[in-house]
Amino acid sequence: MHESSLIPDLIAKITALAAENGSTKVTSIEITIGALTGMDADHLREHFVTAAVGTVAEGAEIHCRISDDPLSSDIILESLELET
């Protein structure tokens, strides 16, 4: 499963950015899903929700779009909203 490495990496990025900004809660994230990840928005949300349990991202709203680049194989964190 490709998402088994992509989702934990995404959670790690979110956690690091929240810590850098002195936040303990992420309320919303915006993600671009690479066309080659093999995931659609619902699939990503399902895995993200499970992986986020117990982290600063637990319960965050997830806004996804699929990349226009047919060769993209990454999940790109576009933005996040933090609670201070």
N, C-alpha and C. Protein backbone atom coordinates (compact mmCIF):
# COMPACT_ATOMS: atom_id res chain seq x y z
N MET A 1 0.83 -1.19 0.00
CA MET A 1 0.00 0.00 0.00
C MET A 1 0.88 1.25 0.00
N HIS A 2 0.70 2.04 -1.00
CA HIS A 2 1.46 3.27 -1.14
C HIS A 2 1.12 4.27 -0.03
N GLU A 3 -0.15 4.30 0.37
CA GLU A 3 -0.56 5.26 1.40
C GLU A 3 0.06 4.97 2.76
N SER A 4 0.57 3.74 2.93
CA SER A 4 1.17 3.39 4.22
C SER A 4 2.41 4.22 4.51
N SER A 5 3.05 4.77 3.49
CA SER A 5 4.18 5.68 3.73
C SER A 5 3.78 7.14 3.53
N LEU A 6 2.86 7.41 2.63
CA LEU A 6 2.48 8.80 2.36
C LEU A 6 1.72 9.46 3.51
N ILE A 7 0.80 8.76 4.11
CA ILE A 7 -0.02 9.34 5.18
C ILE A 7 0.82 9.63 6.43
N PRO A 8 1.65 8.71 6.91
CA PRO A 8 2.49 9.05 8.08
C PRO A 8 3.42 10.23 7.81
N ASP A 9 3.94 10.33 6.59
CA ASP A 9 4.79 11.47 6.24
C ASP A 9 3.99 12.77 6.31
N LEU A 10 2.77 12.73 5.82
CA LEU A 10 1.89 13.90 5.87
C LEU A 10 1.59 14.30 7.32
N ILE A 11 1.27 13.33 8.15
CA ILE A 11 1.01 13.60 9.58
C ILE A 11 2.24 14.21 10.23
N ALA A 12 3.42 13.68 9.91
CA ALA A 12 4.67 14.21 10.48
C ALA A 12 4.88 15.67 10.07
N LYS A 13 4.62 16.01 8.81
CA LYS A 13 4.75 17.40 8.36
C LYS A 13 3.78 18.31 9.10
N ILE A 14 2.55 17.86 9.23
CA ILE A 14 1.52 18.65 9.92
C ILE A 14 1.91 18.86 11.38
N THR A 15 2.35 17.80 12.04
CA THR A 15 2.76 17.88 13.44
C THR A 15 3.93 18.85 13.62
N ALA A 16 4.90 18.77 12.73
CA ALA A 16 6.06 19.67 12.81
C ALA A 16 5.66 21.13 12.60
N LEU A 17 4.80 21.39 11.63
CA LEU A 17 4.37 22.76 11.38
C LEU A 17 3.55 23.31 12.55
N ALA A 18 2.71 22.47 13.13
CA ALA A 18 1.94 22.91 14.29
C ALA A 18 2.87 23.26 15.44
N ALA A 19 3.86 22.41 15.70
CA ALA A 19 4.82 22.66 16.79
C ALA A 19 5.62 23.93 16.53
N GLU A 20 6.06 24.13 15.29
CA GLU A 20 6.82 25.34 14.94
C GLU A 20 6.02 26.61 15.20
N ASN A 21 4.70 26.49 15.09
CA ASN A 21 3.83 27.64 15.26
C ASN A 21 3.16 27.68 16.63
N GLY A 22 3.60 26.83 17.54
CA GLY A 22 3.09 26.84 18.91
C GLY A 22 1.64 26.41 19.04
N SER A 23 1.20 25.55 18.15
CA SER A 23 -0.19 25.10 18.17
C SER A 23 -0.27 23.64 18.59
N THR A 24 -1.34 23.31 19.28
CA THR A 24 -1.58 21.92 19.67
C THR A 24 -2.80 21.33 18.97
N LYS A 25 -3.39 22.10 18.03
CA LYS A 25 -4.59 21.64 17.34
C LYS A 25 -4.62 22.17 15.92
N VAL A 26 -4.78 21.26 14.95
CA VAL A 26 -4.97 21.63 13.56
C VAL A 26 -6.46 21.49 13.27
N THR A 27 -7.08 22.54 12.76
CA THR A 27 -8.52 22.51 12.51
C THR A 27 -8.87 22.19 11.07
N SER A 28 -7.96 22.49 10.13
CA SER A 28 -8.26 22.28 8.73
C SER A 28 -6.96 22.12 7.94
N ILE A 29 -6.99 21.24 6.96
CA ILE A 29 -5.84 21.09 6.08
C ILE A 29 -6.31 21.06 4.62
N GLU A 30 -5.46 21.56 3.75
CA GLU A 30 -5.73 21.53 2.32
C GLU A 30 -4.61 20.74 1.66
N ILE A 31 -4.99 19.74 0.87
CA ILE A 31 -4.04 18.79 0.30
C ILE A 31 -4.27 18.66 -1.20
N THR A 32 -3.18 18.51 -1.94
CA THR A 32 -3.26 18.13 -3.34
C THR A 32 -2.74 16.71 -3.45
N ILE A 33 -3.54 15.85 -4.07
CA ILE A 33 -3.20 14.44 -4.21
C ILE A 33 -2.64 14.20 -5.61
N GLY A 34 -1.45 13.65 -5.67
CA GLY A 34 -0.84 13.33 -6.95
C GLY A 34 -1.62 12.25 -7.68
N ALA A 35 -1.74 12.40 -8.98
CA ALA A 35 -2.50 11.46 -9.79
C ALA A 35 -1.97 10.03 -9.69
N LEU A 36 -0.67 9.89 -9.48
CA LEU A 36 -0.07 8.56 -9.42
C LEU A 36 -0.08 7.92 -8.03
N THR A 37 -0.68 8.58 -7.05
CA THR A 37 -0.74 7.99 -5.72
C THR A 37 -1.71 6.81 -5.68
N GLY A 38 -2.65 6.79 -6.61
CA GLY A 38 -3.66 5.73 -6.61
C GLY A 38 -4.77 5.98 -5.62
N MET A 39 -4.84 7.18 -5.07
CA MET A 39 -5.87 7.51 -4.09
C MET A 39 -6.79 8.60 -4.62
N ASP A 40 -8.04 8.48 -4.26
CA ASP A 40 -8.96 9.59 -4.50
C ASP A 40 -9.17 10.28 -3.15
N ALA A 41 -9.93 11.36 -3.14
CA ALA A 41 -10.11 12.15 -1.92
C ALA A 41 -10.72 11.33 -0.78
N ASP A 42 -11.71 10.51 -1.08
CA ASP A 42 -12.36 9.72 -0.03
C ASP A 42 -11.40 8.68 0.57
N HIS A 43 -10.62 8.06 -0.28
CA HIS A 43 -9.65 7.07 0.17
C HIS A 43 -8.60 7.73 1.08
N LEU A 44 -8.11 8.89 0.66
CA LEU A 44 -7.13 9.60 1.49
C LEU A 44 -7.73 9.99 2.83
N ARG A 45 -8.94 10.54 2.80
CA ARG A 45 -9.60 10.94 4.06
C ARG A 45 -9.71 9.76 5.02
N GLU A 46 -10.13 8.62 4.50
CA GLU A 46 -10.30 7.42 5.33
C GLU A 46 -8.99 7.06 6.04
N HIS A 47 -7.91 7.01 5.30
CA HIS A 47 -6.61 6.66 5.88
C HIS A 47 -6.09 7.77 6.80
N PHE A 48 -6.33 9.02 6.42
CA PHE A 48 -5.87 10.14 7.23
C PHE A 48 -6.56 10.15 8.59
N VAL A 49 -7.87 9.98 8.59
CA VAL A 49 -8.63 10.00 9.84
C VAL A 49 -8.10 8.94 10.80
N THR A 50 -7.83 7.77 10.31
CA THR A 50 -7.29 6.69 11.15
C THR A 50 -5.89 7.04 11.66
N ALA A 51 -5.04 7.54 10.78
CA ALA A 51 -3.66 7.86 11.16
C ALA A 51 -3.57 9.06 12.09
N ALA A 52 -4.54 9.96 12.03
CA ALA A 52 -4.48 11.20 12.82
C ALA A 52 -4.92 11.03 14.27
N VAL A 53 -5.51 9.90 14.60
CA VAL A 53 -5.98 9.67 15.97
C VAL A 53 -4.81 9.84 16.95
N GLY A 54 -5.03 10.70 17.95
CA GLY A 54 -4.02 10.94 18.97
C GLY A 54 -2.97 11.98 18.58
N THR A 55 -3.13 12.60 17.41
CA THR A 55 -2.19 13.64 16.97
C THR A 55 -2.87 15.00 16.95
N VAL A 56 -2.10 16.04 16.68
CA VAL A 56 -2.67 17.39 16.60
C VAL A 56 -3.65 17.52 15.44
N ALA A 57 -3.61 16.59 14.50
CA ALA A 57 -4.49 16.65 13.33
C ALA A 57 -5.81 15.90 13.52
N GLU A 58 -5.97 15.25 14.66
CA GLU A 58 -7.20 14.50 14.89
C GLU A 58 -8.40 15.44 14.82
N GLY A 59 -9.38 15.07 14.01
CA GLY A 59 -10.60 15.86 13.87
C GLY A 59 -10.52 17.02 12.89
N ALA A 60 -9.38 17.21 12.25
CA ALA A 60 -9.22 18.31 11.30
C ALA A 60 -10.08 18.07 10.06
N GLU A 61 -10.62 19.15 9.52
CA GLU A 61 -11.32 19.07 8.23
C GLU A 61 -10.27 18.86 7.16
N ILE A 62 -10.58 18.03 6.18
CA ILE A 62 -9.62 17.73 5.12
C ILE A 62 -10.23 18.16 3.79
N HIS A 63 -9.54 19.05 3.10
CA HIS A 63 -9.96 19.52 1.79
C HIS A 63 -8.95 19.01 0.78
N CYS A 64 -9.42 18.24 -0.20
CA CYS A 64 -8.51 17.61 -1.15
C CYS A 64 -8.85 18.00 -2.59
N ARG A 65 -7.80 18.01 -3.39
CA ARG A 65 -7.98 18.11 -4.83
C ARG A 65 -6.97 17.18 -5.47
N ILE A 66 -7.27 16.72 -6.67
CA ILE A 66 -6.37 15.85 -7.41
C ILE A 66 -5.51 16.74 -8.31
N SER A 67 -4.22 16.48 -8.34
CA SER A 67 -3.28 17.25 -9.14
C SER A 67 -3.58 17.12 -10.63
N ASP A 68 -3.36 18.22 -11.35
CA ASP A 68 -3.49 18.21 -12.81
C ASP A 68 -2.29 17.54 -13.48
N ASP A 69 -1.20 17.39 -12.73
CA ASP A 69 0.02 16.80 -13.26
C ASP A 69 -0.13 15.28 -13.28
N PRO A 70 -0.21 14.67 -14.45
CA PRO A 70 -0.42 13.22 -14.52
C PRO A 70 0.76 12.40 -14.01
N LEU A 71 1.90 13.04 -13.76
CA LEU A 71 3.09 12.34 -13.28
C LEU A 71 3.35 12.55 -11.79
N SER A 72 2.49 13.29 -11.13
CA SER A 72 2.67 13.58 -9.71
C SER A 72 2.35 12.35 -8.86
N SER A 73 3.27 12.01 -7.96
CA SER A 73 3.06 10.84 -7.11
C SER A 73 3.13 11.19 -5.62
N ASP A 74 2.97 12.47 -5.32
CA ASP A 74 3.07 12.94 -3.94
C ASP A 74 1.74 13.44 -3.40
N ILE A 75 1.69 13.54 -2.10
CA ILE A 75 0.61 14.27 -1.44
C ILE A 75 1.24 15.57 -0.98
N ILE A 76 0.70 16.68 -1.43
CA ILE A 76 1.27 17.98 -1.13
C ILE A 76 0.38 18.70 -0.13
N LEU A 77 0.98 19.10 0.98
CA LEU A 77 0.26 19.88 1.98
C LEU A 77 0.28 21.33 1.52
N GLU A 78 -0.86 21.84 1.10
CA GLU A 78 -0.97 23.19 0.57
C GLU A 78 -1.09 24.23 1.67
N SER A 79 -1.94 23.92 2.67
CA SER A 79 -2.12 24.86 3.78
C SER A 79 -2.76 24.13 4.95
N LEU A 80 -2.67 24.78 6.11
CA LEU A 80 -3.38 24.27 7.27
C LEU A 80 -3.78 25.42 8.17
N GLU A 81 -4.85 25.20 8.88
CA GLU A 81 -5.32 26.18 9.87
C GLU A 81 -5.05 25.61 11.24
N LEU A 82 -4.48 26.48 12.07
CA LEU A 82 -4.09 26.07 13.41
C LEU A 82 -4.90 26.81 14.46
N GLU A 83 -5.16 26.12 15.53
CA GLU A 83 -5.81 26.72 16.69
C GLU A 83 -4.71 27.09 17.68
N THR A 84 -4.78 28.32 18.18
CA THR A 84 -3.73 28.73 19.13
C THR A 84 -4.27 28.83 20.53
